[in-house]
Amino acid sequence: EEAMAHPALKLYARKLRARDFGGRGGFTMTGGNKDVSLMLKA
């Protein structure tokens, strides 16, 4: 958390420690997989 300046990266440091991945308001795995596919293609 201290090493990451951006709030989103601080959030992920907390989420992984808590193993808290469910609920509304996140970025879904299916949406993320689509984005990563676009990254790899581009």
ModelCIF file with pLDDT and N, C-alpha, C, O atoms, coordinates in Angstrom:
data_MODEL
#
_entry.id   MODEL 
#
_entity.id                         1 
_entity.type                       polymer 
_entity.pdbx_number_of_molecules   1 
#
_entity_poly.entity_id                      1 
_entity_poly.type                           'polypeptide(L)' 
_entity_poly.nstd_linkage                   no 
_entity_poly.nstd_monomer                   no 
_entity_poly.pdbx_seq_one_letter_code       EEAMAHPALKLYARKLRARDFGGRGGFTMTGGNKDVSLMLKA 
_entity_poly.pdbx_seq_one_letter_code_can   EEAMAHPALKLYARKLRARDFGGRGGFTMTGGNKDVSLMLKA 
_entity_poly.pdbx_strand_id                 A 
#
loop_
_entity_poly_seq.entity_id 
_entity_poly_seq.num 
_entity_poly_seq.mon_id 
_entity_poly_seq.hetero 
1 1  GLU n 
1 2  GLU n 
1 3  ALA n 
1 4  MET n 
1 5  ALA n 
1 6  HIS n 
1 7  PRO n 
1 8  ALA n 
1 9  LEU n 
1 10 LYS n 
1 11 LEU n 
1 12 TYR n 
1 13 ALA n 
1 14 ARG n 
1 15 LYS n 
1 16 LEU n 
1 17 ARG n 
1 18 ALA n 
1 19 ARG n 
1 20 ASP n 
1 21 PHE n 
1 22 GLY n 
1 23 GLY n 
1 24 ARG n 
1 25 GLY n 
1 26 GLY n 
1 27 PHE n 
1 28 THR n 
1 29 MET n 
1 30 THR n 
1 31 GLY n 
1 32 GLY n 
1 33 ASN n 
1 34 LYS n 
1 35 ASP n 
1 36 VAL n 
1 37 SER n 
1 38 LEU n 
1 39 MET n 
1 40 LEU n 
1 41 LYS n 
1 42 ALA n 
#
_struct_asym.id          A 
_struct_asym.entity_id   1 
#
loop_
_ma_qa_metric.id 
_ma_qa_metric.mode 
_ma_qa_metric.name 
_ma_qa_metric.software_group_id 
_ma_qa_metric.type 
1 global pLDDT . pLDDT 
2 local  pLDDT . pLDDT 
#
_ma_qa_metric_global.metric_id      1 
_ma_qa_metric_global.metric_value   90.07 
_ma_qa_metric_global.model_id       1 
_ma_qa_metric_global.ordinal_id     1 
#
loop_
_ma_qa_metric_local.label_asym_id 
_ma_qa_metric_local.label_comp_id 
_ma_qa_metric_local.label_seq_id 
_ma_qa_metric_local.metric_id 
_ma_qa_metric_local.metric_value 
_ma_qa_metric_local.model_id 
_ma_qa_metric_local.ordinal_id 
A GLU 1  2 94.00 1 1  
A GLU 2  2 94.00 1 2  
A ALA 3  2 93.00 1 3  
A MET 4  2 92.00 1 4  
A ALA 5  2 90.00 1 5  
A HIS 6  2 87.00 1 6  
A PRO 7  2 88.00 1 7  
A ALA 8  2 87.00 1 8  
A LEU 9  2 91.00 1 9  
A LYS 10 2 92.00 1 10 
A LEU 11 2 91.00 1 11 
A TYR 12 2 93.00 1 12 
A ALA 13 2 93.00 1 13 
A ARG 14 2 93.00 1 14 
A LYS 15 2 92.00 1 15 
A LEU 16 2 94.00 1 16 
A ARG 17 2 94.00 1 17 
A ALA 18 2 95.00 1 18 
A ARG 19 2 95.00 1 19 
A ASP 20 2 93.00 1 20 
A PHE 21 2 92.00 1 21 
A GLY 22 2 82.00 1 22 
A GLY 23 2 64.00 1 23 
A ARG 24 2 63.00 1 24 
A GLY 25 2 67.00 1 25 
A GLY 26 2 76.00 1 26 
A PHE 27 2 88.00 1 27 
A THR 28 2 93.00 1 28 
A MET 29 2 95.00 1 29 
A THR 30 2 95.00 1 30 
A GLY 31 2 93.00 1 31 
A GLY 32 2 94.00 1 32 
A ASN 33 2 96.00 1 33 
A LYS 34 2 95.00 1 34 
A ASP 35 2 94.00 1 35 
A VAL 36 2 95.00 1 36 
A SER 37 2 96.00 1 37 
A LEU 38 2 94.00 1 38 
A MET 39 2 92.00 1 39 
A LEU 40 2 94.00 1 40 
A LYS 41 2 94.00 1 41 
A ALA 42 2 90.00 1 42 
#
loop_
_atom_site.group_PDB 
_atom_site.id 
_atom_site.type_symbol 
_atom_site.label_atom_id 
_atom_site.label_alt_id 
_atom_site.label_comp_id 
_atom_site.label_asym_id 
_atom_site.label_entity_id 
_atom_site.label_seq_id 
_atom_site.pdbx_PDB_ins_code 
_atom_site.Cartn_x 
_atom_site.Cartn_y 
_atom_site.Cartn_z 
_atom_site.occupancy 
_atom_site.B_iso_or_equiv 
_atom_site.pdbx_formal_charge 
_atom_site.auth_seq_id 
_atom_site.auth_comp_id 
_atom_site.auth_asym_id 
_atom_site.auth_atom_id 
_atom_site.pdbx_PDB_model_num 
ATOM 1   N N  . GLU A 1 1  ? 0.824   -1.210  0.000   1.00 94.00 ? 1  GLU A N  1 
ATOM 2   C CA . GLU A 1 1  ? 0.000   0.000   0.000   1.00 94.00 ? 1  GLU A CA 1 
ATOM 3   C C  . GLU A 1 1  ? 0.856   1.257   0.000   1.00 94.00 ? 1  GLU A C  1 
ATOM 4   O O  . GLU A 1 1  ? 0.565   2.208   -0.726  1.00 94.00 ? 1  GLU A O  1 
ATOM 5   N N  . GLU A 1 2  ? 1.895   1.267   0.799   1.00 94.00 ? 2  GLU A N  1 
ATOM 6   C CA . GLU A 1 2  ? 2.775   2.436   0.867   1.00 94.00 ? 2  GLU A CA 1 
ATOM 7   C C  . GLU A 1 2  ? 3.543   2.627   -0.433  1.00 94.00 ? 2  GLU A C  1 
ATOM 8   O O  . GLU A 1 2  ? 3.826   3.755   -0.838  1.00 94.00 ? 2  GLU A O  1 
ATOM 9   N N  . ALA A 1 3  ? 3.879   1.517   -1.084  1.00 93.00 ? 3  ALA A N  1 
ATOM 10  C CA . ALA A 1 3  ? 4.677   1.589   -2.311  1.00 93.00 ? 3  ALA A CA 1 
ATOM 11  C C  . ALA A 1 3  ? 3.865   2.068   -3.510  1.00 93.00 ? 3  ALA A C  1 
ATOM 12  O O  . ALA A 1 3  ? 4.422   2.609   -4.465  1.00 93.00 ? 3  ALA A O  1 
ATOM 13  N N  . MET A 1 4  ? 2.562   1.870   -3.460  1.00 92.00 ? 4  MET A N  1 
ATOM 14  C CA . MET A 1 4  ? 1.715   2.207   -4.598  1.00 92.00 ? 4  MET A CA 1 
ATOM 15  C C  . MET A 1 4  ? 1.062   3.571   -4.389  1.00 92.00 ? 4  MET A C  1 
ATOM 16  O O  . MET A 1 4  ? 0.319   3.771   -3.429  1.00 92.00 ? 4  MET A O  1 
ATOM 17  N N  . ALA A 1 5  ? 1.344   4.499   -5.288  1.00 90.00 ? 5  ALA A N  1 
ATOM 18  C CA . ALA A 1 5  ? 0.796   5.852   -5.138  1.00 90.00 ? 5  ALA A CA 1 
ATOM 19  C C  . ALA A 1 5  ? -0.651  5.933   -5.581  1.00 90.00 ? 5  ALA A C  1 
ATOM 20  O O  . ALA A 1 5  ? -1.428  6.697   -5.009  1.00 90.00 ? 5  ALA A O  1 
ATOM 21  N N  . HIS A 1 6  ? -1.033  5.156   -6.595  1.00 87.00 ? 6  HIS A N  1 
ATOM 22  C CA . HIS A 1 6  ? -2.381  5.282   -7.140  1.00 87.00 ? 6  HIS A CA 1 
ATOM 23  C C  . HIS A 1 6  ? -3.394  4.574   -6.238  1.00 87.00 ? 6  HIS A C  1 
ATOM 24  O O  . HIS A 1 6  ? -3.143  3.453   -5.796  1.00 87.00 ? 6  HIS A O  1 
ATOM 25  N N  . PRO A 1 7  ? -4.540  5.215   -5.959  1.00 88.00 ? 7  PRO A N  1 
ATOM 26  C CA . PRO A 1 7  ? -5.548  4.603   -5.070  1.00 88.00 ? 7  PRO A CA 1 
ATOM 27  C C  . PRO A 1 7  ? -5.991  3.215   -5.522  1.00 88.00 ? 7  PRO A C  1 
ATOM 28  O O  . PRO A 1 7  ? -6.248  2.350   -4.685  1.00 88.00 ? 7  PRO A O  1 
ATOM 29  N N  . ALA A 1 8  ? -6.084  2.987   -6.836  1.00 87.00 ? 8  ALA A N  1 
ATOM 30  C CA . ALA A 1 8  ? -6.536  1.679   -7.322  1.00 87.00 ? 8  ALA A CA 1 
ATOM 31  C C  . ALA A 1 8  ? -5.551  0.585   -6.951  1.00 87.00 ? 8  ALA A C  1 
ATOM 32  O O  . ALA A 1 8  ? -5.958  -0.526  -6.611  1.00 87.00 ? 8  ALA A O  1 
ATOM 33  N N  . LEU A 1 9  ? -4.256  0.887   -7.013  1.00 91.00 ? 9  LEU A N  1 
ATOM 34  C CA . LEU A 1 9  ? -3.258  -0.121  -6.674  1.00 91.00 ? 9  LEU A CA 1 
ATOM 35  C C  . LEU A 1 9  ? -3.217  -0.359  -5.176  1.00 91.00 ? 9  LEU A C  1 
ATOM 36  O O  . LEU A 1 9  ? -2.979  -1.483  -4.735  1.00 91.00 ? 9  LEU A O  1 
ATOM 37  N N  . LYS A 1 10 ? -3.446  0.682   -4.389  1.00 92.00 ? 10 LYS A N  1 
ATOM 38  C CA . LYS A 1 10 ? -3.581  0.503   -2.946  1.00 92.00 ? 10 LYS A CA 1 
ATOM 39  C C  . LYS A 1 10 ? -4.775  -0.413  -2.655  1.00 92.00 ? 10 LYS A C  1 
ATOM 40  O O  . LYS A 1 10 ? -4.710  -1.289  -1.793  1.00 92.00 ? 10 LYS A O  1 
ATOM 41  N N  . LEU A 1 11 ? -5.859  -0.188  -3.391  1.00 91.00 ? 11 LEU A N  1 
ATOM 42  C CA . LEU A 1 11 ? -7.060  -1.008  -3.210  1.00 91.00 ? 11 LEU A CA 1 
ATOM 43  C C  . LEU A 1 11 ? -6.758  -2.474  -3.467  1.00 91.00 ? 11 LEU A C  1 
ATOM 44  O O  . LEU A 1 11 ? -7.195  -3.341  -2.710  1.00 91.00 ? 11 LEU A O  1 
ATOM 45  N N  . TYR A 1 12 ? -6.010  -2.760  -4.534  1.00 93.00 ? 12 TYR A N  1 
ATOM 46  C CA . TYR A 1 12 ? -5.727  -4.155  -4.852  1.00 93.00 ? 12 TYR A CA 1 
ATOM 47  C C  . TYR A 1 12 ? -4.800  -4.787  -3.820  1.00 93.00 ? 12 TYR A C  1 
ATOM 48  O O  . TYR A 1 12 ? -4.900  -5.984  -3.552  1.00 93.00 ? 12 TYR A O  1 
ATOM 49  N N  . ALA A 1 13 ? -3.906  -4.002  -3.242  1.00 93.00 ? 13 ALA A N  1 
ATOM 50  C CA . ALA A 1 13 ? -3.073  -4.531  -2.165  1.00 93.00 ? 13 ALA A CA 1 
ATOM 51  C C  . ALA A 1 13 ? -3.950  -5.010  -1.010  1.00 93.00 ? 13 ALA A C  1 
ATOM 52  O O  . ALA A 1 13 ? -3.680  -6.049  -0.407  1.00 93.00 ? 13 ALA A O  1 
ATOM 53  N N  . ARG A 1 14 ? -5.000  -4.251  -0.706  1.00 93.00 ? 14 ARG A N  1 
ATOM 54  C CA . ARG A 1 14 ? -5.918  -4.626  0.379   1.00 93.00 ? 14 ARG A CA 1 
ATOM 55  C C  . ARG A 1 14 ? -6.807  -5.805  -0.024  1.00 93.00 ? 14 ARG A C  1 
ATOM 56  O O  . ARG A 1 14 ? -7.022  -6.730  0.759   1.00 93.00 ? 14 ARG A O  1 
ATOM 57  N N  . LYS A 1 15 ? -7.321  -5.758  -1.261  1.00 92.00 ? 15 LYS A N  1 
ATOM 58  C CA . LYS A 1 15 ? -8.251  -6.804  -1.693  1.00 92.00 ? 15 LYS A CA 1 
ATOM 59  C C  . LYS A 1 15 ? -7.586  -8.176  -1.691  1.00 92.00 ? 15 LYS A C  1 
ATOM 60  O O  . LYS A 1 15 ? -8.182  -9.156  -1.245  1.00 92.00 ? 15 LYS A O  1 
ATOM 61  N N  . LEU A 1 16 ? -6.363  -8.245  -2.183  1.00 94.00 ? 16 LEU A N  1 
ATOM 62  C CA . LEU A 1 16 ? -5.697  -9.543  -2.220  1.00 94.00 ? 16 LEU A CA 1 
ATOM 63  C C  . LEU A 1 16 ? -5.388  -10.053 -0.823  1.00 94.00 ? 16 LEU A C  1 
ATOM 64  O O  . LEU A 1 16 ? -5.518  -11.246 -0.552  1.00 94.00 ? 16 LEU A O  1 
ATOM 65  N N  . ARG A 1 17 ? -4.981  -9.156  0.061   1.00 94.00 ? 17 ARG A N  1 
ATOM 66  C CA . ARG A 1 17 ? -4.711  -9.583  1.438   1.00 94.00 ? 17 ARG A CA 1 
ATOM 67  C C  . ARG A 1 17 ? -5.980  -10.122 2.086   1.00 94.00 ? 17 ARG A C  1 
ATOM 68  O O  . ARG A 1 17 ? -5.936  -11.129 2.793   1.00 94.00 ? 17 ARG A O  1 
ATOM 69  N N  . ALA A 1 18 ? -7.112  -9.458  1.850   1.00 95.00 ? 18 ALA A N  1 
ATOM 70  C CA . ALA A 1 18 ? -8.384  -9.872  2.459   1.00 95.00 ? 18 ALA A CA 1 
ATOM 71  C C  . ALA A 1 18 ? -9.070  -10.985 1.677   1.00 95.00 ? 18 ALA A C  1 
ATOM 72  O O  . ALA A 1 18 ? -10.021 -11.596 2.165   1.00 95.00 ? 18 ALA A O  1 
ATOM 73  N N  . ARG A 1 19 ? -8.588  -11.250 0.463   1.00 95.00 ? 19 ARG A N  1 
ATOM 74  C CA . ARG A 1 19 ? -9.222  -12.217 -0.438  1.00 95.00 ? 19 ARG A CA 1 
ATOM 75  C C  . ARG A 1 19 ? -10.702 -11.867 -0.617  1.00 95.00 ? 19 ARG A C  1 
ATOM 76  O O  . ARG A 1 19 ? -11.585 -12.718 -0.513  1.00 95.00 ? 19 ARG A O  1 
ATOM 77  N N  . ASP A 1 20 ? -10.929 -10.601 -0.884  1.00 93.00 ? 20 ASP A N  1 
ATOM 78  C CA . ASP A 1 20 ? -12.276 -10.046 -1.023  1.00 93.00 ? 20 ASP A CA 1 
ATOM 79  C C  . ASP A 1 20 ? -12.502 -9.700  -2.489  1.00 93.00 ? 20 ASP A C  1 
ATOM 80  O O  . ASP A 1 20 ? -12.081 -8.641  -2.952  1.00 93.00 ? 20 ASP A O  1 
ATOM 81  N N  . PHE A 1 21 ? -13.171 -10.598 -3.224  1.00 92.00 ? 21 PHE A N  1 
ATOM 82  C CA . PHE A 1 21 ? -13.266 -10.440 -4.673  1.00 92.00 ? 21 PHE A CA 1 
ATOM 83  C C  . PHE A 1 21 ? -14.697 -10.418 -5.208  1.00 92.00 ? 21 PHE A C  1 
ATOM 84  O O  . PHE A 1 21 ? -14.895 -10.319 -6.419  1.00 92.00 ? 21 PHE A O  1 
ATOM 85  N N  . GLY A 1 22 ? -15.678 -10.508 -4.348  1.00 82.00 ? 22 GLY A N  1 
ATOM 86  C CA . GLY A 1 22 ? -17.052 -10.590 -4.820  1.00 82.00 ? 22 GLY A CA 1 
ATOM 87  C C  . GLY A 1 22 ? -17.764 -9.258  -4.729  1.00 82.00 ? 22 GLY A C  1 
ATOM 88  O O  . GLY A 1 22 ? -17.164 -8.228  -4.423  1.00 82.00 ? 22 GLY A O  1 
ATOM 89  N N  . GLY A 1 23 ? -19.052 -9.302  -4.999  1.00 64.00 ? 23 GLY A N  1 
ATOM 90  C CA . GLY A 1 23 ? -19.890 -8.125  -4.811  1.00 64.00 ? 23 GLY A CA 1 
ATOM 91  C C  . GLY A 1 23 ? -19.915 -7.182  -5.989  1.00 64.00 ? 23 GLY A C  1 
ATOM 92  O O  . GLY A 1 23 ? -19.100 -7.277  -6.907  1.00 64.00 ? 23 GLY A O  1 
ATOM 93  N N  . ARG A 1 24 ? -20.857 -6.277  -5.946  1.00 63.00 ? 24 ARG A N  1 
ATOM 94  C CA . ARG A 1 24 ? -21.054 -5.292  -7.002  1.00 63.00 ? 24 ARG A CA 1 
ATOM 95  C C  . ARG A 1 24 ? -19.997 -4.188  -6.890  1.00 63.00 ? 24 ARG A C  1 
ATOM 96  O O  . ARG A 1 24 ? -19.518 -3.874  -5.800  1.00 63.00 ? 24 ARG A O  1 
ATOM 97  N N  . GLY A 1 25 ? -19.654 -3.619  -8.018  1.00 67.00 ? 25 GLY A N  1 
ATOM 98  C CA . GLY A 1 25 ? -18.768 -2.465  -7.998  1.00 67.00 ? 25 GLY A CA 1 
ATOM 99  C C  . GLY A 1 25 ? -17.348 -2.755  -8.443  1.00 67.00 ? 25 GLY A C  1 
ATOM 100 O O  . GLY A 1 25 ? -16.530 -1.840  -8.538  1.00 67.00 ? 25 GLY A O  1 
ATOM 101 N N  . GLY A 1 26 ? -17.040 -4.026  -8.719  1.00 76.00 ? 26 GLY A N  1 
ATOM 102 C CA . GLY A 1 26 ? -15.708 -4.365  -9.169  1.00 76.00 ? 26 GLY A CA 1 
ATOM 103 C C  . GLY A 1 26 ? -15.600 -4.434  -10.673 1.00 76.00 ? 26 GLY A C  1 
ATOM 104 O O  . GLY A 1 26 ? -16.543 -4.119  -11.399 1.00 76.00 ? 26 GLY A O  1 
ATOM 105 N N  . PHE A 1 27 ? -14.430 -4.853  -11.131 1.00 88.00 ? 27 PHE A N  1 
ATOM 106 C CA . PHE A 1 27 ? -14.186 -5.058  -12.564 1.00 88.00 ? 27 PHE A CA 1 
ATOM 107 C C  . PHE A 1 27 ? -14.158 -6.565  -12.772 1.00 88.00 ? 27 PHE A C  1 
ATOM 108 O O  . PHE A 1 27 ? -13.250 -7.238  -12.285 1.00 88.00 ? 27 PHE A O  1 
ATOM 109 N N  . THR A 1 28 ? -15.133 -7.100  -13.483 1.00 93.00 ? 28 THR A N  1 
ATOM 110 C CA . THR A 1 28 ? -15.317 -8.539  -13.546 1.00 93.00 ? 28 THR A CA 1 
ATOM 111 C C  . THR A 1 28 ? -14.198 -9.247  -14.303 1.00 93.00 ? 28 THR A C  1 
ATOM 112 O O  . THR A 1 28 ? -13.502 -8.656  -15.128 1.00 93.00 ? 28 THR A O  1 
ATOM 113 N N  . MET A 1 29 ? -14.052 -10.528 -13.993 1.00 95.00 ? 29 MET A N  1 
ATOM 114 C CA . MET A 1 29 ? -13.045 -11.350 -14.655 1.00 95.00 ? 29 MET A CA 1 
ATOM 115 C C  . MET A 1 29 ? -13.310 -11.426 -16.158 1.00 95.00 ? 29 MET A C  1 
ATOM 116 O O  . MET A 1 29 ? -12.372 -11.380 -16.954 1.00 95.00 ? 29 MET A O  1 
ATOM 117 N N  . THR A 1 30 ? -14.576 -11.541 -16.551 1.00 95.00 ? 30 THR A N  1 
ATOM 118 C CA . THR A 1 30 ? -14.877 -11.610 -17.987 1.00 95.00 ? 30 THR A CA 1 
ATOM 119 C C  . THR A 1 30 ? -14.509 -10.303 -18.684 1.00 95.00 ? 30 THR A C  1 
ATOM 120 O O  . THR A 1 30 ? -13.963 -10.316 -19.787 1.00 95.00 ? 30 THR A O  1 
ATOM 121 N N  . GLY A 1 31 ? -14.808 -9.183  -18.043 1.00 93.00 ? 31 GLY A N  1 
ATOM 122 C CA . GLY A 1 31 ? -14.423 -7.897  -18.623 1.00 93.00 ? 31 GLY A CA 1 
ATOM 123 C C  . GLY A 1 31 ? -12.915 -7.745  -18.667 1.00 93.00 ? 31 GLY A C  1 
ATOM 124 O O  . GLY A 1 31 ? -12.371 -7.239  -19.648 1.00 93.00 ? 31 GLY A O  1 
ATOM 125 N N  . GLY A 1 32 ? -12.232 -8.176  -17.614 1.00 94.00 ? 32 GLY A N  1 
ATOM 126 C CA . GLY A 1 32 ? -10.783 -8.097  -17.586 1.00 94.00 ? 32 GLY A CA 1 
ATOM 127 C C  . GLY A 1 32 ? -10.143 -8.975  -18.635 1.00 94.00 ? 32 GLY A C  1 
ATOM 128 O O  . GLY A 1 32 ? -9.159  -8.581  -19.261 1.00 94.00 ? 32 GLY A O  1 
ATOM 129 N N  . ASN A 1 33 ? -10.691 -10.169 -18.835 1.00 96.00 ? 33 ASN A N  1 
ATOM 130 C CA . ASN A 1 33 ? -10.156 -11.081 -19.848 1.00 96.00 ? 33 ASN A CA 1 
ATOM 131 C C  . ASN A 1 33 ? -10.296 -10.475 -21.240 1.00 96.00 ? 33 ASN A C  1 
ATOM 132 O O  . ASN A 1 33 ? -9.413  -10.622 -22.085 1.00 96.00 ? 33 ASN A O  1 
ATOM 133 N N  . LYS A 1 34 ? -11.411 -9.796  -21.466 1.00 95.00 ? 34 LYS A N  1 
ATOM 134 C CA . LYS A 1 34 ? -11.583 -9.118  -22.759 1.00 95.00 ? 34 LYS A CA 1 
ATOM 135 C C  . LYS A 1 34 ? -10.522 -8.046  -22.951 1.00 95.00 ? 34 LYS A C  1 
ATOM 136 O O  . LYS A 1 34 ? -9.942  -7.922  -24.029 1.00 95.00 ? 34 LYS A O  1 
ATOM 137 N N  . ASP A 1 35 ? -10.273 -7.273  -21.903 1.00 94.00 ? 35 ASP A N  1 
ATOM 138 C CA . ASP A 1 35 ? -9.275  -6.200  -22.001 1.00 94.00 ? 35 ASP A CA 1 
ATOM 139 C C  . ASP A 1 35 ? -7.866  -6.749  -22.202 1.00 94.00 ? 35 ASP A C  1 
ATOM 140 O O  . ASP A 1 35 ? -7.096  -6.211  -22.996 1.00 94.00 ? 35 ASP A O  1 
ATOM 141 N N  . VAL A 1 36 ? -7.528  -7.822  -21.482 1.00 95.00 ? 36 VAL A N  1 
ATOM 142 C CA . VAL A 1 36 ? -6.198  -8.402  -21.637 1.00 95.00 ? 36 VAL A CA 1 
ATOM 143 C C  . VAL A 1 36 ? -6.018  -8.962  -23.049 1.00 95.00 ? 36 VAL A C  1 
ATOM 144 O O  . VAL A 1 36 ? -4.933  -8.875  -23.624 1.00 95.00 ? 36 VAL A O  1 
ATOM 145 N N  . SER A 1 37 ? -7.089  -9.537  -23.601 1.00 96.00 ? 37 SER A N  1 
ATOM 146 C CA . SER A 1 37 ? -7.020  -10.024 -24.987 1.00 96.00 ? 37 SER A CA 1 
ATOM 147 C C  . SER A 1 37 ? -6.736  -8.877  -25.946 1.00 96.00 ? 37 SER A C  1 
ATOM 148 O O  . SER A 1 37 ? -5.949  -9.026  -26.881 1.00 96.00 ? 37 SER A O  1 
ATOM 149 N N  . LEU A 1 38 ? -7.377  -7.731  -25.717 1.00 94.00 ? 38 LEU A N  1 
ATOM 150 C CA . LEU A 1 38 ? -7.115  -6.558  -26.550 1.00 94.00 ? 38 LEU A CA 1 
ATOM 151 C C  . LEU A 1 38 ? -5.669  -6.094  -26.393 1.00 94.00 ? 38 LEU A C  1 
ATOM 152 O O  . LEU A 1 38 ? -5.025  -5.720  -27.373 1.00 94.00 ? 38 LEU A O  1 
ATOM 153 N N  . MET A 1 39 ? -5.153  -6.117  -25.150 1.00 92.00 ? 39 MET A N  1 
ATOM 154 C CA . MET A 1 39 ? -3.768  -5.713  -24.902 1.00 92.00 ? 39 MET A CA 1 
ATOM 155 C C  . MET A 1 39 ? -2.796  -6.591  -25.672 1.00 92.00 ? 39 MET A C  1 
ATOM 156 O O  . MET A 1 39 ? -1.878  -6.086  -26.317 1.00 92.00 ? 39 MET A O  1 
ATOM 157 N N  . LEU A 1 40 ? -2.993  -7.908  -25.609 1.00 94.00 ? 40 LEU A N  1 
ATOM 158 C CA . LEU A 1 40 ? -2.090  -8.843  -26.263 1.00 94.00 ? 40 LEU A CA 1 
ATOM 159 C C  . LEU A 1 40 ? -2.151  -8.700  -27.778 1.00 94.00 ? 40 LEU A C  1 
ATOM 160 O O  . LEU A 1 40 ? -1.126  -8.786  -28.456 1.00 94.00 ? 40 LEU A O  1 
ATOM 161 N N  . LYS A 1 41 ? -3.341  -8.484  -28.303 1.00 94.00 ? 41 LYS A N  1 
ATOM 162 C CA . LYS A 1 41 ? -3.486  -8.316  -29.754 1.00 94.00 ? 41 LYS A CA 1 
ATOM 163 C C  . LYS A 1 41 ? -2.794  -7.039  -30.220 1.00 94.00 ? 41 LYS A C  1 
ATOM 164 O O  . LYS A 1 41 ? -2.036  -7.052  -31.190 1.00 94.00 ? 41 LYS A O  1 
ATOM 165 N N  . ALA A 1 42 ? -3.062  -5.932  -29.515 1.00 90.00 ? 42 ALA A N  1 
ATOM 166 C CA . ALA A 1 42 ? -2.499  -4.648  -29.922 1.00 90.00 ? 42 ALA A CA 1 
ATOM 167 C C  . ALA A 1 42 ? -0.975  -4.630  -29.798 1.00 90.00 ? 42 ALA A C  1 
ATOM 168 O O  . ALA A 1 42 ? -0.342  -3.619  -30.103 1.00 90.00 ? 42 ALA A O  1 
#
